[in-house]
């Protein structure tokens, strides 16, 4: 990933955080107590037509490292 892509991603994360402040608050609340190796992270998306898409992942050590990198990029999550 080139440095410009990293800067753009950081900017997009800031915009996302401004538009969706409850998401960052949720991550802070769940934080290290809930989001650790072996925890299951589930995501559900509902389209405007009502179609639901659900998936989940069991967090690994590498997933936790990735989440920590994202938290550090955002600075506050």
N, C-alpha and C. Protein backbone atom coordinates (compact mmCIF):
# COMPACT_ATOMS: atom_id res chain seq x y z
N UNK A 1 0.86 -1.17 0.00
CA UNK A 1 0.00 0.00 0.00
C UNK A 1 0.90 1.24 0.00
N UNK A 2 0.61 2.14 -0.89
CA UNK A 2 1.46 3.33 -0.94
C UNK A 2 1.02 4.36 0.10
N UNK A 3 1.90 5.30 0.43
CA UNK A 3 1.59 6.27 1.49
C UNK A 3 0.33 7.10 1.21
N UNK A 4 0.08 7.41 -0.05
CA UNK A 4 -1.13 8.18 -0.37
C UNK A 4 -2.39 7.38 -0.05
N UNK A 5 -2.35 6.07 -0.30
CA UNK A 5 -3.50 5.22 0.04
C UNK A 5 -3.72 5.20 1.54
N UNK A 6 -2.64 5.14 2.29
CA UNK A 6 -2.74 5.13 3.76
C UNK A 6 -3.34 6.44 4.25
N UNK A 7 -2.89 7.56 3.68
CA UNK A 7 -3.45 8.86 4.08
C UNK A 7 -4.94 8.94 3.72
N UNK A 8 -5.30 8.44 2.55
CA UNK A 8 -6.70 8.45 2.14
C UNK A 8 -7.54 7.58 3.06
N UNK A 9 -7.02 6.41 3.43
CA UNK A 9 -7.74 5.52 4.35
C UNK A 9 -7.95 6.20 5.69
N UNK A 10 -6.91 6.86 6.20
CA UNK A 10 -7.04 7.58 7.47
C UNK A 10 -8.12 8.64 7.40
N UNK A 11 -8.16 9.38 6.29
CA UNK A 11 -9.19 10.39 6.11
C UNK A 11 -10.59 9.78 6.04
N UNK A 12 -10.71 8.67 5.33
CA UNK A 12 -12.00 8.00 5.22
C UNK A 12 -12.46 7.47 6.58
N UNK A 13 -11.52 6.95 7.38
CA UNK A 13 -11.88 6.47 8.71
C UNK A 13 -12.38 7.62 9.58
N UNK A 14 -11.75 8.79 9.46
CA UNK A 14 -12.21 9.95 10.21
C UNK A 14 -13.61 10.36 9.78
N UNK A 15 -13.87 10.36 8.47
CA UNK A 15 -15.19 10.69 7.95
C UNK A 15 -16.22 9.68 8.45
N UNK A 16 -15.88 8.40 8.38
CA UNK A 16 -16.78 7.35 8.85
C UNK A 16 -17.12 7.56 10.32
N UNK A 17 -16.11 7.87 11.12
CA UNK A 17 -16.31 8.09 12.55
C UNK A 17 -17.23 9.29 12.80
N UNK A 18 -17.09 10.35 12.02
CA UNK A 18 -17.95 11.52 12.17
C UNK A 18 -19.39 11.20 11.78
N UNK A 19 -19.57 10.40 10.74
CA UNK A 19 -20.91 10.08 10.26
C UNK A 19 -21.59 9.00 11.09
N UNK A 20 -20.81 8.18 11.78
CA UNK A 20 -21.35 7.05 12.54
C UNK A 20 -20.69 6.99 13.93
N UNK A 21 -20.90 7.98 14.78
CA UNK A 21 -20.21 8.02 16.08
C UNK A 21 -20.55 6.86 17.00
N UNK A 22 -21.72 6.27 16.86
CA UNK A 22 -22.09 5.15 17.74
C UNK A 22 -21.24 3.92 17.45
N UNK A 23 -20.74 3.77 16.22
CA UNK A 23 -19.92 2.61 15.89
C UNK A 23 -18.61 2.66 16.68
N UNK A 24 -17.97 3.80 16.70
CA UNK A 24 -16.73 3.95 17.47
C UNK A 24 -16.98 3.74 18.96
N UNK A 25 -18.10 4.26 19.45
CA UNK A 25 -18.45 4.08 20.85
C UNK A 25 -18.66 2.60 21.16
N UNK A 26 -19.29 1.88 20.24
CA UNK A 26 -19.50 0.44 20.42
C UNK A 26 -18.16 -0.28 20.50
N UNK A 27 -17.23 0.04 19.59
CA UNK A 27 -15.92 -0.62 19.61
C UNK A 27 -15.17 -0.33 20.90
N UNK A 28 -15.28 0.91 21.39
CA UNK A 28 -14.61 1.26 22.65
C UNK A 28 -15.22 0.47 23.80
N UNK A 29 -16.55 0.35 23.81
CA UNK A 29 -17.23 -0.36 24.89
C UNK A 29 -16.91 -1.86 24.85
N UNK A 30 -16.97 -2.45 23.67
CA UNK A 30 -16.66 -3.88 23.53
C UNK A 30 -15.18 -4.11 23.78
N UNK A 31 -14.37 -3.24 23.21
CA UNK A 31 -12.93 -3.21 23.40
C UNK A 31 -12.26 -4.51 23.78
N UNK A 32 -11.22 -4.41 24.58
CA UNK A 32 -10.41 -5.57 24.93
C UNK A 32 -11.14 -6.62 25.75
N UNK A 33 -12.19 -6.22 26.48
CA UNK A 33 -12.90 -7.20 27.31
C UNK A 33 -13.64 -8.22 26.46
N UNK A 34 -14.26 -7.77 25.38
CA UNK A 34 -15.07 -8.66 24.56
C UNK A 34 -14.37 -9.12 23.29
N UNK A 35 -13.58 -8.25 22.69
CA UNK A 35 -12.96 -8.56 21.41
C UNK A 35 -11.56 -9.09 21.65
N UNK A 36 -11.52 -10.39 21.92
CA UNK A 36 -10.24 -11.06 22.16
C UNK A 36 -10.25 -12.40 21.44
N UNK A 37 -9.13 -13.07 21.42
CA UNK A 37 -9.01 -14.34 20.71
C UNK A 37 -10.11 -15.29 21.17
N UNK A 38 -10.83 -15.86 20.19
CA UNK A 38 -11.90 -16.80 20.49
C UNK A 38 -13.29 -16.16 20.49
N UNK A 39 -13.36 -14.83 20.60
CA UNK A 39 -14.66 -14.16 20.53
C UNK A 39 -15.20 -14.26 19.11
N UNK A 40 -16.52 -14.21 18.98
CA UNK A 40 -17.15 -14.26 17.67
C UNK A 40 -17.71 -12.88 17.35
N UNK A 41 -17.29 -12.35 16.20
CA UNK A 41 -17.76 -11.06 15.71
C UNK A 41 -18.77 -11.34 14.61
N UNK A 42 -20.00 -10.85 14.79
CA UNK A 42 -21.05 -11.11 13.82
C UNK A 42 -21.47 -9.81 13.16
N UNK A 43 -21.74 -9.88 11.86
CA UNK A 43 -22.18 -8.70 11.12
C UNK A 43 -23.46 -9.05 10.37
N UNK A 44 -24.40 -8.12 10.43
CA UNK A 44 -25.67 -8.28 9.71
C UNK A 44 -25.90 -7.01 8.89
N UNK A 45 -26.21 -7.20 7.63
CA UNK A 45 -26.53 -6.09 6.74
C UNK A 45 -27.94 -6.32 6.21
N UNK A 46 -28.78 -5.30 6.30
CA UNK A 46 -30.13 -5.37 5.75
C UNK A 46 -30.23 -4.36 4.62
N UNK A 47 -30.53 -4.84 3.41
CA UNK A 47 -30.65 -3.96 2.25
C UNK A 47 -31.91 -3.11 2.39
N UNK A 48 -32.02 -2.04 1.61
CA UNK A 48 -33.25 -1.23 1.65
C UNK A 48 -34.51 -2.04 1.34
N UNK A 49 -34.35 -3.14 0.59
CA UNK A 49 -35.49 -3.99 0.26
C UNK A 49 -35.81 -5.00 1.35
N UNK A 50 -35.00 -5.05 2.40
CA UNK A 50 -35.24 -5.96 3.50
C UNK A 50 -34.47 -7.28 3.44
N UNK A 51 -33.66 -7.47 2.42
CA UNK A 51 -32.84 -8.68 2.32
C UNK A 51 -31.75 -8.64 3.39
N UNK A 52 -31.59 -9.71 4.13
CA UNK A 52 -30.58 -9.76 5.20
C UNK A 52 -29.40 -10.64 4.79
N UNK A 53 -28.22 -10.16 5.15
CA UNK A 53 -26.97 -10.88 4.94
C UNK A 53 -26.27 -10.93 6.28
N UNK A 54 -25.93 -12.13 6.74
CA UNK A 54 -25.31 -12.30 8.05
C UNK A 54 -24.08 -13.18 7.91
N UNK A 55 -23.02 -12.78 8.60
CA UNK A 55 -21.81 -13.60 8.65
C UNK A 55 -21.16 -13.40 10.01
N UNK A 56 -20.22 -14.28 10.34
CA UNK A 56 -19.48 -14.10 11.57
C UNK A 56 -18.08 -14.69 11.41
N UNK A 57 -17.20 -14.21 12.27
CA UNK A 57 -15.83 -14.74 12.29
C UNK A 57 -15.43 -14.96 13.75
N UNK A 58 -14.67 -16.00 13.97
CA UNK A 58 -14.08 -16.25 15.28
C UNK A 58 -12.72 -15.57 15.28
N UNK A 59 -12.53 -14.61 16.18
CA UNK A 59 -11.32 -13.80 16.17
C UNK A 59 -10.07 -14.59 16.52
N UNK A 60 -9.02 -14.34 15.73
CA UNK A 60 -7.71 -14.95 15.95
C UNK A 60 -6.76 -13.87 16.48
N UNK A 61 -5.58 -14.28 16.86
CA UNK A 61 -4.56 -13.33 17.30
C UNK A 61 -4.26 -12.31 16.21
N UNK A 62 -4.19 -12.78 14.95
CA UNK A 62 -3.93 -11.87 13.83
C UNK A 62 -5.07 -10.86 13.65
N UNK A 63 -6.32 -11.30 13.86
CA UNK A 63 -7.46 -10.39 13.77
C UNK A 63 -7.35 -9.29 14.82
N UNK A 64 -6.96 -9.67 16.02
CA UNK A 64 -6.81 -8.69 17.11
C UNK A 64 -5.72 -7.68 16.75
N UNK A 65 -4.62 -8.16 16.19
CA UNK A 65 -3.55 -7.25 15.76
C UNK A 65 -4.06 -6.27 14.70
N UNK A 66 -4.86 -6.76 13.75
CA UNK A 66 -5.43 -5.90 12.71
C UNK A 66 -6.36 -4.86 13.32
N UNK A 67 -7.22 -5.27 14.25
CA UNK A 67 -8.11 -4.33 14.91
C UNK A 67 -7.32 -3.26 15.67
N UNK A 68 -6.22 -3.67 16.30
CA UNK A 68 -5.39 -2.71 17.02
C UNK A 68 -4.73 -1.71 16.07
N UNK A 69 -4.32 -2.17 14.90
CA UNK A 69 -3.74 -1.26 13.90
C UNK A 69 -4.78 -0.24 13.48
N UNK A 70 -6.00 -0.70 13.23
CA UNK A 70 -7.08 0.21 12.83
C UNK A 70 -7.37 1.20 13.95
N UNK A 71 -7.43 0.71 15.18
CA UNK A 71 -7.65 1.62 16.33
C UNK A 71 -6.56 2.68 16.38
N UNK A 72 -5.32 2.29 16.19
CA UNK A 72 -4.21 3.24 16.25
C UNK A 72 -4.27 4.24 15.10
N UNK A 73 -4.72 3.81 13.94
CA UNK A 73 -4.87 4.73 12.80
C UNK A 73 -5.91 5.78 13.10
N UNK A 74 -6.98 5.40 13.74
CA UNK A 74 -8.08 6.32 14.03
C UNK A 74 -7.73 7.20 15.21
N UNK A 75 -6.88 6.70 16.09
CA UNK A 75 -6.45 7.50 17.22
C UNK A 75 -7.35 7.48 18.42
N UNK A 76 -8.65 7.27 18.22
CA UNK A 76 -9.55 7.37 19.37
C UNK A 76 -10.38 6.12 19.61
N UNK A 77 -10.30 5.15 18.75
CA UNK A 77 -11.14 3.96 18.92
C UNK A 77 -10.34 2.83 19.50
